Amino acid sequence: MSEMNIQIFGTKKCFDTKKAERYFKERRVKYQMIDLKEKGMSRGELQSVVQAVKGLDNLLDPNVKDTQTLALVKYLVDADKLDKVFENQQLIKTPVVRNGKQATVGYQPDVWKTWE
């Protein structure tokens, strides 16, 4: 099995984040958990994830509590969207799981299997 460098971005209250952690734990894959409420993604990490998931819109959680900010992001020009999401990471659907240049949004065990 090749070496994976897994990062899980999520929140303690997110059910799917807990499931993602359990998925990697059960397979004895080391991972780093980053709580978006405490730390958040760096701008570079966010850009890398956006590229991996083929666009910022795929990263946004349609069921987010902060509907006003989400609506605002949808109306911003693309150049400003990334900044707004960077400042408001509560809009991101969790978990975001990264493995180098690859990334997924939400609970995606079918994709993670292909990384092993």
Protein backbone atom coordinates (compact mmCIF):
# COMPACT_ATOMS: atom_id res chain seq x y z
CA MET A 1 0.00 0.00 0.00
CA SER A 2 1.43 3.36 -0.95
CA GLU A 3 1.89 6.05 1.64
CA MET A 4 -1.15 8.27 1.91
CA ASN A 5 -1.06 11.72 3.38
CA ILE A 6 -4.63 12.15 4.56
CA GLN A 7 -6.01 15.35 5.98
CA ILE A 8 -9.61 15.50 7.13
CA PHE A 9 -11.10 18.98 7.39
CA GLY A 10 -14.32 18.96 9.35
CA THR A 11 -16.00 19.82 12.63
CA LYS A 12 -16.51 17.87 15.82
CA LYS A 13 -20.28 18.01 15.42
CA CYS A 14 -20.30 16.78 11.82
CA PHE A 15 -21.57 13.21 11.60
CA ASP A 16 -19.94 12.58 8.19
CA THR A 17 -16.59 13.85 9.50
CA LYS A 18 -16.75 11.28 12.31
CA LYS A 19 -17.60 8.58 9.74
CA ALA A 20 -14.61 9.62 7.62
CA GLU A 21 -12.32 9.40 10.66
CA ARG A 22 -13.68 5.95 11.44
CA TYR A 23 -13.13 4.85 7.82
CA PHE A 24 -9.41 5.67 7.95
CA LYS A 25 -8.98 4.41 11.53
CA GLU A 26 -10.46 1.02 10.63
CA ARG A 27 -7.96 0.73 7.77
CA ARG A 28 -5.09 1.86 10.02
CA VAL A 29 -4.42 4.81 7.74
CA LYS A 30 -2.82 7.72 9.56
CA TYR A 31 -4.63 10.99 9.09
CA GLN A 32 -4.57 14.52 10.41
CA MET A 33 -7.87 15.95 11.62
CA ILE A 34 -8.23 19.70 11.19
CA ASP A 35 -11.20 21.31 12.93
CA LEU A 36 -12.49 24.03 10.62
CA LYS A 37 -14.00 25.85 13.59
CA GLU A 38 -10.57 26.14 15.24
CA LYS A 39 -8.09 26.40 12.41
CA GLY A 40 -9.58 26.39 8.95
CA MET A 41 -7.82 25.82 5.65
CA SER A 42 -5.01 27.98 4.45
CA ARG A 43 -5.61 29.83 1.21
CA GLY A 44 -3.32 27.39 -0.61
CA GLU A 45 -5.14 24.37 0.81
CA LEU A 46 -8.48 25.86 -0.19
CA GLN A 47 -7.28 26.54 -3.74
CA SER A 48 -5.87 23.03 -4.03
CA VAL A 49 -9.15 21.50 -2.85
CA VAL A 50 -11.20 23.68 -5.21
CA GLN A 51 -9.08 22.43 -8.13
CA ALA A 52 -9.36 18.80 -6.97
CA VAL A 53 -13.17 18.94 -6.67
CA LYS A 54 -13.52 20.82 -9.97
CA GLY A 55 -14.83 24.11 -8.72
CA LEU A 56 -15.81 26.11 -5.67
CA ASP A 57 -19.52 25.36 -6.07
CA ASN A 58 -18.81 21.68 -5.40
CA LEU A 59 -17.30 22.64 -2.07
CA LEU A 60 -20.28 24.61 -0.78
CA ASP A 61 -22.83 23.06 1.53
CA PRO A 62 -26.35 23.77 0.21
CA ASN A 63 -27.79 22.99 3.67
CA VAL A 64 -25.61 25.45 5.56
CA LYS A 65 -27.16 27.48 8.40
CA ASP A 66 -25.62 30.72 7.14
CA THR A 67 -27.88 31.02 4.09
CA GLN A 68 -27.25 34.76 3.67
CA THR A 69 -23.50 34.39 3.19
CA LEU A 70 -24.05 31.37 0.92
CA ALA A 71 -26.44 33.41 -1.24
CA LEU A 72 -23.90 36.25 -1.34
CA VAL A 73 -21.12 33.91 -2.53
CA LYS A 74 -23.34 32.66 -5.35
CA TYR A 75 -23.76 36.22 -6.65
CA LEU A 76 -20.13 37.28 -6.37
CA VAL A 77 -17.86 37.28 -9.40
CA ASP A 78 -15.61 34.23 -9.46
CA ALA A 79 -12.53 36.22 -8.48
CA ASP A 80 -14.16 37.24 -5.18
CA LYS A 81 -15.84 33.93 -4.38
CA LEU A 82 -12.70 32.21 -3.12
CA ASP A 83 -11.93 35.10 -0.75
CA LYS A 84 -15.44 35.04 0.66
CA VAL A 85 -15.37 31.28 1.23
CA PHE A 86 -11.86 31.56 2.72
CA GLU A 87 -13.26 34.09 5.22
CA ASN A 88 -16.42 32.00 5.83
CA GLN A 89 -15.30 28.39 5.98
CA GLN A 90 -18.55 27.41 7.68
CA LEU A 91 -19.97 27.35 4.13
CA ILE A 92 -17.84 24.33 3.21
CA LYS A 93 -19.51 20.94 3.13
CA THR A 94 -17.64 18.61 5.45
CA PRO A 95 -15.65 16.54 5.62
CA VAL A 96 -13.12 17.64 3.05
CA VAL A 97 -10.62 14.81 2.78
CA ARG A 98 -7.29 15.52 1.12
CA ASN A 99 -4.62 13.13 -0.08
CA GLY A 100 -1.92 15.23 -1.71
CA LYS A 101 -3.46 16.77 -4.82
CA GLN A 102 -6.64 14.67 -4.54
CA ALA A 103 -9.61 15.75 -2.47
CA THR A 104 -13.22 14.85 -1.81
CA VAL A 105 -16.16 16.66 -0.27
CA GLY A 106 -18.56 14.79 1.98
CA TYR A 107 -18.41 11.12 2.89
CA GLN A 108 -16.86 9.40 -0.15
CA PRO A 109 -15.51 5.94 0.77
CA ASP A 110 -15.81 4.75 -2.85
CA VAL A 111 -13.29 7.39 -3.90
CA TRP A 112 -10.99 6.85 -0.88
CA LYS A 113 -10.75 3.15 -1.77
CA THR A 114 -9.12 4.10 -5.05
CA TRP A 115 -6.41 6.02 -3.15
CA GLU A 116 -5.17 2.92 -1.31
